[in-house]
Amino acid sequence: MLRIKEAVVVEGKYDKIKLKGIIDAPIIETNGFRVFKDKEKQNLIRQLANKRGLLIITDSDSAGFVIRNFLKGIVKDSTIKQCYIPQLKGKEKRKEKPSKEGYLGVEGISDEEIINAIKRSNATIEGENVKQTEEITKNDFFELGLTGRDNSKVNREKVLKYLDLPTYLTTNAMISALNVLVTKDEIKEILEKN
C-alpha cells in the first residue's frame, strides 16, 4: 500500500473504494459535477489543498477533464499534482455497458496501472525518493515539433496515442500531463519511433 502525503480527489464512491485498497491517504469524492455547486465540498478541497496538497485522479474521459480543470480553478495551482490514468477502452465489471466514451474509469483500471500512474505523478510517497526532472515547456513543444509546425497536430496525436492519453487535450493540459509522465528525451524517442 502506498502512503501518500497529499489528499486524493476522485470523482465518485467506486473510485474511492478502489483506491482505498491501494493507497493510504485521505480520499475525497467530488460526486461528479455536483462539486460545481457544492460550496462546502469546495471549501473542504481548498483546506486540504492548503494543508496537504492535492493529488487529482479523474477518469480519462471528457467529464474527468472538466472536473480536473474546475478543481484547478478553485485552488492554487502550486498545491495540485496531477495523476493521469491510461485511456483504455473497456467496461467496468459492475456496469452493463461501457461509459458514453467507452473508456475505463479509475475503478476499472488495474491496481498496477494506478500505482504506476501515482508514481509518475510526483506524489509524495512515504519511503520513496522522487527524482526531479527538468520541466517540459512550451518552447520545448516548439523545438519538438508539437506546436507551430505543419505536422504539429499529427505529432501531438502520436505522442498522446502512444501514452494512452486523450487526443483532445489542449496544449497546456498536454504539457501538464507530459511533465508527469515522461521526459523531453522520451518524447523525442516516441516521435522517432512512430
N, C-alpha and C. Protein backbone atom coordinates (compact mmCIF):
# COMPACT_ATOMS: atom_id res chain seq x y z
N MET A 1 0.84 -1.18 0.00
CA MET A 1 0.00 0.00 0.00
C MET A 1 0.88 1.24 0.00
N LEU A 2 0.55 2.19 -0.87
CA LEU A 2 1.30 3.45 -0.95
C LEU A 2 0.77 4.44 0.06
N ARG A 3 1.65 4.98 0.88
CA ARG A 3 1.27 6.03 1.82
C ARG A 3 1.60 7.36 1.18
N ILE A 4 0.57 8.18 0.93
CA ILE A 4 0.72 9.42 0.18
C ILE A 4 0.43 10.62 1.08
N LYS A 5 1.28 11.64 0.99
CA LYS A 5 1.11 12.86 1.79
C LYS A 5 -0.12 13.65 1.35
N GLU A 6 -0.29 13.80 0.04
CA GLU A 6 -1.38 14.63 -0.49
C GLU A 6 -2.74 13.98 -0.23
N ALA A 7 -3.77 14.83 -0.15
CA ALA A 7 -5.15 14.34 -0.15
C ALA A 7 -5.49 14.00 -1.60
N VAL A 8 -6.19 12.92 -1.80
CA VAL A 8 -6.52 12.45 -3.15
C VAL A 8 -7.96 12.82 -3.48
N VAL A 9 -8.17 13.39 -4.66
CA VAL A 9 -9.51 13.77 -5.10
C VAL A 9 -9.90 12.89 -6.28
N VAL A 10 -11.06 12.22 -6.14
CA VAL A 10 -11.59 11.36 -7.19
C VAL A 10 -13.02 11.79 -7.51
N GLU A 11 -13.58 11.20 -8.57
CA GLU A 11 -14.92 11.60 -8.99
C GLU A 11 -16.03 10.99 -8.13
N GLY A 12 -15.96 9.69 -7.84
CA GLY A 12 -17.09 9.06 -7.18
C GLY A 12 -16.72 7.99 -6.18
N LYS A 13 -17.77 7.39 -5.58
CA LYS A 13 -17.56 6.44 -4.48
C LYS A 13 -16.87 5.15 -4.94
N TYR A 14 -17.10 4.71 -6.17
CA TYR A 14 -16.45 3.48 -6.62
C TYR A 14 -14.95 3.70 -6.86
N ASP A 15 -14.60 4.91 -7.28
CA ASP A 15 -13.18 5.27 -7.40
C ASP A 15 -12.53 5.25 -6.02
N LYS A 16 -13.24 5.82 -5.05
CA LYS A 16 -12.73 5.87 -3.68
C LYS A 16 -12.54 4.46 -3.12
N ILE A 17 -13.52 3.59 -3.34
CA ILE A 17 -13.43 2.20 -2.87
C ILE A 17 -12.22 1.52 -3.49
N LYS A 18 -12.03 1.71 -4.79
CA LYS A 18 -10.88 1.11 -5.50
C LYS A 18 -9.57 1.58 -4.89
N LEU A 19 -9.43 2.89 -4.67
CA LEU A 19 -8.17 3.44 -4.18
C LEU A 19 -7.89 3.10 -2.72
N LYS A 20 -8.94 2.88 -1.92
CA LYS A 20 -8.74 2.55 -0.50
C LYS A 20 -7.93 1.26 -0.33
N GLY A 21 -7.99 0.37 -1.32
CA GLY A 21 -7.22 -0.86 -1.25
C GLY A 21 -5.79 -0.71 -1.76
N ILE A 22 -5.45 0.47 -2.28
CA ILE A 22 -4.15 0.69 -2.89
C ILE A 22 -3.31 1.73 -2.16
N ILE A 23 -3.99 2.77 -1.65
CA ILE A 23 -3.27 3.89 -1.04
C ILE A 23 -3.75 4.18 0.38
N ASP A 24 -2.85 4.78 1.14
CA ASP A 24 -3.16 5.27 2.47
C ASP A 24 -3.06 6.79 2.41
N ALA A 25 -4.22 7.43 2.28
CA ALA A 25 -4.30 8.89 2.18
C ALA A 25 -5.77 9.27 2.32
N PRO A 26 -6.05 10.52 2.71
CA PRO A 26 -7.45 10.96 2.69
C PRO A 26 -7.94 10.98 1.24
N ILE A 27 -9.12 10.43 1.00
CA ILE A 27 -9.67 10.39 -0.36
C ILE A 27 -11.01 11.12 -0.34
N ILE A 28 -11.13 12.14 -1.18
CA ILE A 28 -12.33 12.98 -1.25
C ILE A 28 -13.00 12.75 -2.60
N GLU A 29 -14.32 12.58 -2.57
CA GLU A 29 -15.09 12.43 -3.82
C GLU A 29 -15.66 13.78 -4.22
N THR A 30 -15.67 14.07 -5.51
CA THR A 30 -16.32 15.29 -6.00
C THR A 30 -17.81 15.04 -6.22
N ASN A 31 -18.21 13.78 -6.23
CA ASN A 31 -19.58 13.39 -6.59
C ASN A 31 -19.88 13.91 -8.00
N GLY A 32 -18.94 13.66 -8.88
CA GLY A 32 -19.09 14.10 -10.27
C GLY A 32 -19.19 15.60 -10.36
N PHE A 33 -20.11 16.07 -11.19
CA PHE A 33 -20.28 17.50 -11.42
C PHE A 33 -20.94 18.23 -10.25
N ARG A 34 -21.41 17.52 -9.23
CA ARG A 34 -22.04 18.17 -8.08
C ARG A 34 -21.08 19.13 -7.38
N VAL A 35 -19.79 18.86 -7.50
CA VAL A 35 -18.80 19.73 -6.85
C VAL A 35 -18.88 21.16 -7.38
N PHE A 36 -19.42 21.35 -8.58
CA PHE A 36 -19.52 22.69 -9.17
C PHE A 36 -20.41 23.60 -8.32
N LYS A 37 -21.43 23.03 -7.66
CA LYS A 37 -22.37 23.83 -6.86
C LYS A 37 -22.21 23.61 -5.37
N ASP A 38 -21.44 22.60 -4.97
CA ASP A 38 -21.31 22.24 -3.56
C ASP A 38 -20.21 23.08 -2.91
N LYS A 39 -20.62 24.22 -2.33
CA LYS A 39 -19.66 25.16 -1.74
C LYS A 39 -18.92 24.55 -0.55
N GLU A 40 -19.60 23.69 0.21
CA GLU A 40 -18.94 23.04 1.36
C GLU A 40 -17.83 22.10 0.89
N LYS A 41 -18.11 21.35 -0.14
CA LYS A 41 -17.09 20.43 -0.69
C LYS A 41 -15.93 21.23 -1.26
N GLN A 42 -16.23 22.33 -1.95
CA GLN A 42 -15.17 23.18 -2.49
C GLN A 42 -14.29 23.72 -1.36
N ASN A 43 -14.92 24.14 -0.26
CA ASN A 43 -14.17 24.66 0.87
C ASN A 43 -13.28 23.58 1.47
N LEU A 44 -13.81 22.37 1.61
CA LEU A 44 -13.02 21.24 2.13
C LEU A 44 -11.81 20.99 1.23
N ILE A 45 -12.03 20.98 -0.07
CA ILE A 45 -10.94 20.74 -1.03
C ILE A 45 -9.89 21.84 -0.91
N ARG A 46 -10.31 23.09 -0.78
CA ARG A 46 -9.36 24.20 -0.61
C ARG A 46 -8.52 24.03 0.66
N GLN A 47 -9.19 23.67 1.75
CA GLN A 47 -8.48 23.49 3.02
C GLN A 47 -7.46 22.36 2.92
N LEU A 48 -7.86 21.25 2.31
CA LEU A 48 -6.93 20.12 2.14
C LEU A 48 -5.76 20.51 1.24
N ALA A 49 -6.06 21.27 0.19
CA ALA A 49 -5.00 21.70 -0.73
C ALA A 49 -3.98 22.55 0.01
N ASN A 50 -4.45 23.46 0.86
CA ASN A 50 -3.54 24.34 1.60
C ASN A 50 -2.75 23.59 2.67
N LYS A 51 -3.36 22.58 3.26
CA LYS A 51 -2.71 21.86 4.36
C LYS A 51 -1.80 20.73 3.88
N ARG A 52 -2.28 19.94 2.90
CA ARG A 52 -1.56 18.73 2.48
C ARG A 52 -1.14 18.73 1.01
N GLY A 53 -1.83 19.54 0.19
CA GLY A 53 -1.67 19.43 -1.25
C GLY A 53 -2.70 18.43 -1.77
N LEU A 54 -2.96 18.47 -3.07
CA LEU A 54 -3.93 17.57 -3.69
C LEU A 54 -3.28 16.71 -4.76
N LEU A 55 -3.75 15.48 -4.86
CA LEU A 55 -3.43 14.60 -5.98
C LEU A 55 -4.75 14.32 -6.66
N ILE A 56 -4.92 14.83 -7.87
CA ILE A 56 -6.19 14.68 -8.58
C ILE A 56 -6.10 13.47 -9.50
N ILE A 57 -7.03 12.52 -9.30
CA ILE A 57 -7.12 11.32 -10.12
C ILE A 57 -8.54 11.22 -10.65
N THR A 58 -8.73 11.61 -11.90
CA THR A 58 -10.06 11.50 -12.51
C THR A 58 -9.99 10.53 -13.67
N ASP A 59 -11.17 10.17 -14.18
CA ASP A 59 -11.23 9.31 -15.35
C ASP A 59 -10.60 10.03 -16.54
N SER A 60 -10.19 9.25 -17.54
CA SER A 60 -9.55 9.84 -18.73
C SER A 60 -10.56 10.14 -19.82
N ASP A 61 -11.76 10.51 -19.43
CA ASP A 61 -12.76 10.92 -20.41
C ASP A 61 -12.97 12.42 -20.32
N SER A 62 -13.83 12.96 -21.17
CA SER A 62 -14.01 14.42 -21.18
C SER A 62 -14.58 14.93 -19.86
N ALA A 63 -15.48 14.18 -19.22
CA ALA A 63 -16.04 14.61 -17.94
C ALA A 63 -14.94 14.71 -16.88
N GLY A 64 -14.04 13.75 -16.86
CA GLY A 64 -12.93 13.77 -15.92
C GLY A 64 -12.06 15.00 -16.09
N PHE A 65 -11.85 15.41 -17.34
CA PHE A 65 -11.02 16.59 -17.59
C PHE A 65 -11.75 17.88 -17.25
N VAL A 66 -13.07 17.90 -17.38
CA VAL A 66 -13.85 19.07 -16.97
C VAL A 66 -13.73 19.24 -15.45
N ILE A 67 -13.86 18.15 -14.71
CA ILE A 67 -13.74 18.20 -13.24
C ILE A 67 -12.33 18.61 -12.84
N ARG A 68 -11.33 18.02 -13.49
CA ARG A 68 -9.93 18.35 -13.21
C ARG A 68 -9.68 19.85 -13.41
N ASN A 69 -10.18 20.40 -14.50
CA ASN A 69 -9.99 21.83 -14.79
C ASN A 69 -10.75 22.72 -13.80
N PHE A 70 -11.93 22.28 -13.38
CA PHE A 70 -12.67 23.03 -12.38
C PHE A 70 -11.86 23.12 -11.09
N LEU A 71 -11.30 21.99 -10.65
CA LEU A 71 -10.52 21.96 -9.41
C LEU A 71 -9.30 22.87 -9.52
N LYS A 72 -8.69 22.91 -10.71
CA LYS A 72 -7.55 23.81 -10.91
C LYS A 72 -7.97 25.27 -10.75
N GLY A 73 -9.23 25.56 -10.98
CA GLY A 73 -9.72 26.92 -10.86
C GLY A 73 -10.09 27.34 -9.45
N ILE A 74 -10.24 26.38 -8.53
CA ILE A 74 -10.67 26.76 -7.18
C ILE A 74 -9.55 26.67 -6.14
N VAL A 75 -8.40 26.09 -6.52
CA VAL A 75 -7.27 26.02 -5.58
C VAL A 75 -6.01 26.54 -6.28
N LYS A 76 -5.01 26.88 -5.48
CA LYS A 76 -3.74 27.36 -6.04
C LYS A 76 -3.08 26.22 -6.83
N ASP A 77 -2.63 26.55 -8.02
CA ASP A 77 -2.00 25.56 -8.90
C ASP A 77 -0.81 24.87 -8.23
N SER A 78 -0.10 25.60 -7.40
CA SER A 78 1.10 25.05 -6.75
C SER A 78 0.77 23.94 -5.75
N THR A 79 -0.51 23.81 -5.38
CA THR A 79 -0.90 22.79 -4.40
C THR A 79 -1.38 21.50 -5.07
N ILE A 80 -1.42 21.48 -6.40
CA ILE A 80 -2.00 20.35 -7.14
C ILE A 80 -0.92 19.51 -7.81
N LYS A 81 -1.09 18.20 -7.71
CA LYS A 81 -0.33 17.25 -8.52
C LYS A 81 -1.35 16.45 -9.33
N GLN A 82 -1.06 16.28 -10.59
CA GLN A 82 -1.99 15.61 -11.50
C GLN A 82 -1.58 14.16 -11.69
N CYS A 83 -2.53 13.25 -11.56
CA CYS A 83 -2.30 11.84 -11.80
C CYS A 83 -3.19 11.41 -12.96
N TYR A 84 -2.58 11.00 -14.06
CA TYR A 84 -3.33 10.63 -15.25
C TYR A 84 -3.31 9.11 -15.42
N ILE A 85 -4.51 8.52 -15.41
CA ILE A 85 -4.59 7.08 -15.68
C ILE A 85 -4.63 6.90 -17.20
N PRO A 86 -4.22 5.71 -17.67
CA PRO A 86 -4.25 5.50 -19.12
C PRO A 86 -5.68 5.52 -19.67
N GLN A 87 -5.81 5.94 -20.90
CA GLN A 87 -7.12 5.95 -21.55
C GLN A 87 -7.29 4.61 -22.26
N LEU A 88 -8.00 3.70 -21.60
CA LEU A 88 -8.17 2.34 -22.11
C LEU A 88 -9.64 2.06 -22.39
N LYS A 89 -9.92 1.45 -23.53
CA LYS A 89 -11.28 1.06 -23.87
C LYS A 89 -11.70 -0.08 -22.96
N GLY A 90 -12.97 -0.09 -22.59
CA GLY A 90 -13.46 -1.18 -21.76
C GLY A 90 -14.70 -0.78 -20.99
N LYS A 91 -15.11 -1.70 -20.09
CA LYS A 91 -16.31 -1.51 -19.29
C LYS A 91 -16.04 -2.01 -17.88
N GLU A 92 -16.49 -1.25 -16.90
CA GLU A 92 -16.35 -1.67 -15.51
C GLU A 92 -17.22 -2.90 -15.25
N LYS A 93 -16.78 -3.78 -14.36
CA LYS A 93 -17.49 -5.03 -14.07
C LYS A 93 -18.91 -4.79 -13.58
N ARG A 94 -19.11 -3.75 -12.78
CA ARG A 94 -20.43 -3.52 -12.19
C ARG A 94 -21.45 -2.94 -13.17
N LYS A 95 -20.99 -2.50 -14.33
CA LYS A 95 -21.87 -1.85 -15.30
C LYS A 95 -22.30 -2.82 -16.40
N GLU A 96 -23.49 -2.58 -16.92
CA GLU A 96 -24.00 -3.42 -18.01
C GLU A 96 -23.36 -3.10 -19.35
N LYS A 97 -23.04 -1.82 -19.55
CA LYS A 97 -22.42 -1.41 -20.82
C LYS A 97 -21.35 -0.38 -20.56
N PRO A 98 -20.48 -0.17 -21.54
CA PRO A 98 -19.40 0.82 -21.37
C PRO A 98 -19.95 2.23 -21.16
N SER A 99 -19.08 3.11 -20.66
CA SER A 99 -19.45 4.51 -20.49
C SER A 99 -19.71 5.14 -21.86
N LYS A 100 -20.21 6.35 -21.84
CA LYS A 100 -20.55 7.08 -23.07
C LYS A 100 -19.37 7.10 -24.06
N GLU A 101 -18.17 7.36 -23.55
CA GLU A 101 -16.99 7.43 -24.43
C GLU A 101 -16.29 6.08 -24.58
N GLY A 102 -16.71 5.09 -23.78
CA GLY A 102 -16.17 3.74 -23.91
C GLY A 102 -14.85 3.48 -23.21
N TYR A 103 -14.44 4.37 -22.29
CA TYR A 103 -13.16 4.20 -21.60
C TYR A 103 -13.38 3.73 -20.17
N LEU A 104 -12.41 2.98 -19.67
CA LEU A 104 -12.43 2.57 -18.28
C LEU A 104 -12.19 3.78 -17.40
N GLY A 105 -12.88 3.82 -16.28
CA GLY A 105 -12.65 4.86 -15.29
C GLY A 105 -11.63 4.39 -14.28
N VAL A 106 -11.40 5.18 -13.26
CA VAL A 106 -10.44 4.83 -12.21
C VAL A 106 -10.78 3.46 -11.63
N GLU A 107 -12.06 3.22 -11.39
CA GLU A 107 -12.46 1.95 -10.76
C GLU A 107 -12.16 0.73 -11.64
N GLY A 108 -12.04 0.92 -12.94
CA GLY A 108 -11.83 -0.20 -13.85
C GLY A 108 -10.38 -0.46 -14.21
N ILE A 109 -9.49 0.44 -13.84
CA ILE A 109 -8.06 0.30 -14.15
C ILE A 109 -7.41 -0.64 -13.14
N SER A 110 -6.44 -1.41 -13.57
CA SER A 110 -5.77 -2.35 -12.67
C SER A 110 -5.00 -1.61 -11.57
N ASP A 111 -4.83 -2.29 -10.44
CA ASP A 111 -4.07 -1.71 -9.32
C ASP A 111 -2.67 -1.30 -9.79
N GLU A 112 -2.05 -2.16 -10.59
CA GLU A 112 -0.69 -1.88 -11.06
C GLU A 112 -0.63 -0.60 -11.89
N GLU A 113 -1.61 -0.41 -12.79
CA GLU A 113 -1.66 0.81 -13.61
C GLU A 113 -1.84 2.05 -12.73
N ILE A 114 -2.69 1.93 -11.72
CA ILE A 114 -2.92 3.06 -10.82
C ILE A 114 -1.66 3.39 -10.04
N ILE A 115 -0.99 2.38 -9.51
CA ILE A 115 0.25 2.60 -8.77
C ILE A 115 1.30 3.26 -9.65
N ASN A 116 1.43 2.78 -10.89
CA ASN A 116 2.38 3.38 -11.83
C ASN A 116 2.03 4.84 -12.12
N ALA A 117 0.74 5.12 -12.30
CA ALA A 117 0.30 6.49 -12.58
C ALA A 117 0.60 7.39 -11.38
N ILE A 118 0.37 6.89 -10.17
CA ILE A 118 0.65 7.69 -8.97
C ILE A 118 2.14 7.97 -8.86
N LYS A 119 2.95 6.98 -9.12
CA LYS A 119 4.40 7.17 -9.04
C LYS A 119 4.89 8.19 -10.07
N ARG A 120 4.29 8.18 -11.26
CA ARG A 120 4.67 9.13 -12.31
C ARG A 120 4.21 10.55 -12.00
N SER A 121 3.22 10.68 -11.11
CA SER A 121 2.62 11.99 -10.84
C SER A 121 3.47 12.88 -9.94
N ASN A 122 4.55 12.34 -9.41
CA ASN A 122 5.39 13.04 -8.43
C ASN A 122 4.67 13.27 -7.11
N ALA A 123 3.68 12.43 -6.81
CA ALA A 123 3.04 12.47 -5.49
C ALA A 123 4.11 12.20 -4.44
N THR A 124 3.91 12.72 -3.25
CA THR A 124 4.85 12.49 -2.17
C THR A 124 4.52 11.16 -1.52
N ILE A 125 5.31 10.14 -1.86
CA ILE A 125 5.08 8.79 -1.36
C ILE A 125 6.08 8.53 -0.24
N GLU A 126 5.55 8.21 0.93
CA GLU A 126 6.41 7.96 2.08
C GLU A 126 7.34 6.79 1.81
N GLY A 127 8.63 6.99 2.11
CA GLY A 127 9.60 5.92 1.95
C GLY A 127 10.18 5.79 0.55
N GLU A 128 9.80 6.69 -0.37
CA GLU A 128 10.36 6.63 -1.73
C GLU A 128 10.98 7.97 -2.08
N ASN A 129 12.10 7.90 -2.76
CA ASN A 129 12.74 9.12 -3.26
C ASN A 129 12.14 9.45 -4.61
N VAL A 130 11.76 10.68 -4.80
CA VAL A 130 11.19 11.11 -6.07
C VAL A 130 12.26 11.88 -6.83
N LYS A 131 12.55 11.43 -8.04
CA LYS A 131 13.57 12.12 -8.83
C LYS A 131 12.96 13.37 -9.48
N GLN A 132 13.71 14.43 -9.45
CA GLN A 132 13.27 15.67 -10.07
C GLN A 132 13.77 15.69 -11.52
N THR A 133 12.87 15.98 -12.43
CA THR A 133 13.25 16.06 -13.83
C THR A 133 13.05 17.48 -14.32
N GLU A 134 13.73 17.80 -15.41
CA GLU A 134 13.60 19.13 -15.99
C GLU A 134 12.21 19.25 -16.62
N GLU A 135 11.53 20.34 -16.31
CA GLU A 135 10.17 20.53 -16.77
C GLU A 135 10.11 20.81 -18.27
N ILE A 136 9.12 20.20 -18.93
CA ILE A 136 8.87 20.42 -20.36
C ILE A 136 8.11 21.74 -20.48
N THR A 137 8.54 22.60 -21.41
CA THR A 137 7.94 23.93 -21.57
C THR A 137 7.30 24.07 -22.95
N LYS A 138 6.62 25.19 -23.16
CA LYS A 138 6.05 25.47 -24.48
C LYS A 138 7.15 25.62 -25.52
N ASN A 139 8.29 26.16 -25.12
CA ASN A 139 9.42 26.28 -26.02
C ASN A 139 9.90 24.88 -26.47
N ASP A 140 9.93 23.94 -25.52
CA ASP A 140 10.29 22.57 -25.86
C ASP A 140 9.29 21.98 -26.86
N PHE A 141 8.01 22.31 -26.67
CA PHE A 141 6.98 21.82 -27.59
C PHE A 141 7.28 22.30 -29.01
N PHE A 142 7.69 23.56 -29.15
CA PHE A 142 8.02 24.09 -30.46
C PHE A 142 9.24 23.37 -31.03
N GLU A 143 10.28 23.23 -30.20
CA GLU A 143 11.51 22.55 -30.65
C GLU A 143 11.24 21.11 -31.08
N LEU A 144 10.31 20.44 -30.40
CA LEU A 144 9.99 19.05 -30.71
C LEU A 144 9.03 18.91 -31.88
N GLY A 145 8.52 20.04 -32.37
CA GLY A 145 7.57 19.99 -33.49
C GLY A 145 6.15 19.68 -33.05
N LEU A 146 5.84 19.96 -31.78
CA LEU A 146 4.50 19.69 -31.27
C LEU A 146 3.58 20.92 -31.36
N THR A 147 4.16 22.08 -31.65
CA THR A 147 3.38 23.29 -31.93
C THR A 147 4.12 24.10 -32.98
N GLY A 148 3.35 24.93 -33.70
CA GLY A 148 3.94 25.89 -34.63
C GLY A 148 4.49 25.30 -35.92
N ARG A 149 4.20 24.05 -36.21
CA ARG A 149 4.70 23.42 -37.44
C ARG A 149 3.52 22.83 -38.21
N ASP A 150 3.75 22.54 -39.50
CA ASP A 150 2.67 21.98 -40.32
C ASP A 150 2.17 20.64 -39.79
N ASN A 151 3.08 19.82 -39.25
CA ASN A 151 2.69 18.48 -38.80
C ASN A 151 2.55 18.39 -37.27
N SER A 152 2.42 19.53 -36.60
CA SER A 152 2.36 19.54 -35.13
C SER A 152 1.18 18.75 -34.59
N LYS A 153 0.01 18.90 -35.20
CA LYS A 153 -1.17 18.19 -34.72
C LYS A 153 -0.96 16.68 -34.81
N VAL A 154 -0.40 16.22 -35.91
CA VAL A 154 -0.11 14.79 -36.10
C VAL A 154 0.89 14.31 -35.04
N ASN A 155 1.93 15.10 -34.80
CA ASN A 155 2.93 14.74 -33.79
C ASN A 155 2.32 14.68 -32.39
N ARG A 156 1.47 15.65 -32.06
CA ARG A 156 0.82 15.63 -30.74
C ARG A 156 -0.03 14.37 -30.59
N GLU A 157 -0.78 14.06 -31.64
CA GLU A 157 -1.65 12.87 -31.58
C GLU A 157 -0.83 11.59 -31.45
N LYS A 158 0.33 11.52 -32.09
CA LYS A 158 1.22 10.35 -31.96
C LYS A 158 1.63 10.16 -30.51
N VAL A 159 2.07 11.25 -29.88
CA VAL A 159 2.54 11.18 -28.50
C VAL A 159 1.39 10.81 -27.57
N LEU A 160 0.24 11.46 -27.75
CA LEU A 160 -0.92 11.18 -26.89
C LEU A 160 -1.39 9.74 -27.05
N LYS A 161 -1.44 9.28 -28.28
CA LYS A 161 -1.89 7.90 -28.53
C LYS A 161 -0.89 6.90 -27.93
N TYR A 162 0.39 7.15 -28.09
CA TYR A 162 1.43 6.26 -27.56
C TYR A 162 1.31 6.14 -26.04
N LEU A 163 0.95 7.24 -25.37
CA LEU A 163 0.86 7.27 -23.91
C LEU A 163 -0.55 6.95 -23.40
N ASP A 164 -1.45 6.56 -24.31
CA ASP A 164 -2.85 6.25 -23.95
C ASP A 164 -3.54 7.43 -23.27
N LEU A 165 -3.27 8.64 -23.75
CA LEU A 165 -3.91 9.83 -23.22
C LEU A 165 -4.96 10.32 -24.21
N PRO A 166 -5.97 11.05 -23.74
CA PRO A 166 -7.00 11.57 -24.65
C PRO A 166 -6.40 12.47 -25.71
N THR A 167 -6.84 12.29 -26.95
CA THR A 167 -6.28 13.07 -28.05
C THR A 167 -6.84 14.49 -28.10
N TYR A 168 -7.82 14.80 -27.25
CA TYR A 168 -8.42 16.13 -27.27
C TYR A 168 -7.80 17.08 -26.24
N LEU A 169 -6.67 16.71 -25.63
CA LEU A 169 -6.04 17.59 -24.64
C LEU A 169 -5.57 18.88 -25.30
N THR A 170 -5.76 19.99 -24.60
CA THR A 170 -5.21 21.25 -25.08
C THR A 170 -3.69 21.20 -24.91
N THR A 171 -3.00 22.15 -25.52
CA THR A 171 -1.55 22.19 -25.40
C THR A 171 -1.12 22.30 -23.93
N ASN A 172 -1.77 23.20 -23.17
CA ASN A 172 -1.41 23.36 -21.76
C ASN A 172 -1.67 22.09 -20.96
N ALA A 173 -2.81 21.45 -21.20
CA ALA A 173 -3.13 20.20 -20.50
C ALA A 173 -2.15 19.10 -20.89
N MET A 174 -1.76 19.07 -22.16
CA MET A 174 -0.80 18.07 -22.62
C MET A 174 0.56 18.28 -21.96
N ILE A 175 1.01 19.52 -21.89
CA ILE A 175 2.29 19.82 -21.23
C ILE A 175 2.23 19.38 -19.77
N SER A 176 1.12 19.68 -19.11
CA SER A 176 0.95 19.28 -17.71
C SER A 176 1.03 17.77 -17.56
N ALA A 177 0.35 17.04 -18.44
CA ALA A 177 0.35 15.57 -18.38
C ALA A 177 1.74 15.01 -18.69
N LEU A 178 2.39 15.54 -19.71
CA LEU A 178 3.71 15.03 -20.09
C LEU A 178 4.73 15.27 -19.00
N ASN A 179 4.62 16.39 -18.29
CA ASN A 179 5.56 16.65 -17.19
C ASN A 179 5.41 15.63 -16.07
N VAL A 180 4.27 14.99 -16.00
CA VAL A 180 4.04 13.94 -15.01
C VAL A 180 4.51 12.58 -15.53
N LEU A 181 4.39 12.38 -16.84
CA LEU A 181 4.57 11.04 -17.40
C LEU A 181 5.93 10.76 -18.03
N VAL A 182 6.53 11.73 -18.71
CA VAL A 182 7.74 11.46 -19.50
C VAL A 182 8.72 12.62 -19.43
N THR A 183 9.91 12.37 -19.94
CA THR A 183 10.92 13.43 -20.07
C THR A 183 10.93 13.92 -21.52
N LYS A 184 11.65 15.01 -21.73
CA LYS A 184 11.79 15.55 -23.09
C LYS A 184 12.45 14.51 -24.00
N ASP A 185 13.47 13.82 -23.50
CA ASP A 185 14.15 12.79 -24.30
C ASP A 185 13.21 11.64 -24.66
N GLU A 186 12.33 11.29 -23.73
CA GLU A 186 11.37 10.21 -24.03
C GLU A 186 10.38 10.63 -25.10
N ILE A 187 10.00 11.91 -25.13
CA ILE A 187 9.12 12.41 -26.18
C ILE A 187 9.84 12.30 -27.53
N LYS A 188 11.10 12.68 -27.54
CA LYS A 188 11.89 12.57 -28.79
C LYS A 188 11.88 11.13 -29.31
N GLU A 189 12.09 10.18 -28.39
CA GLU A 189 12.09 8.76 -28.77
C GLU A 189 10.75 8.32 -29.33
N ILE A 190 9.66 8.78 -28.70
CA ILE A 190 8.31 8.43 -29.19
C ILE A 190 8.12 8.95 -30.60
N LEU A 191 8.52 10.20 -30.85
CA LEU A 191 8.36 10.79 -32.17
C LEU A 191 9.21 10.10 -33.22
N GLU A 192 10.40 9.65 -32.83
CA GLU A 192 11.30 8.97 -33.76
C GLU A 192 10.78 7.57 -34.11
N LYS A 193 10.17 6.88 -33.14
CA LYS A 193 9.64 5.53 -33.35
C LYS A 193 8.43 5.50 -34.26
N ASN A 194 7.59 6.51 -34.11
CA ASN A 194 6.27 6.48 -34.80
C ASN A 194 6.24 7.36 -36.02
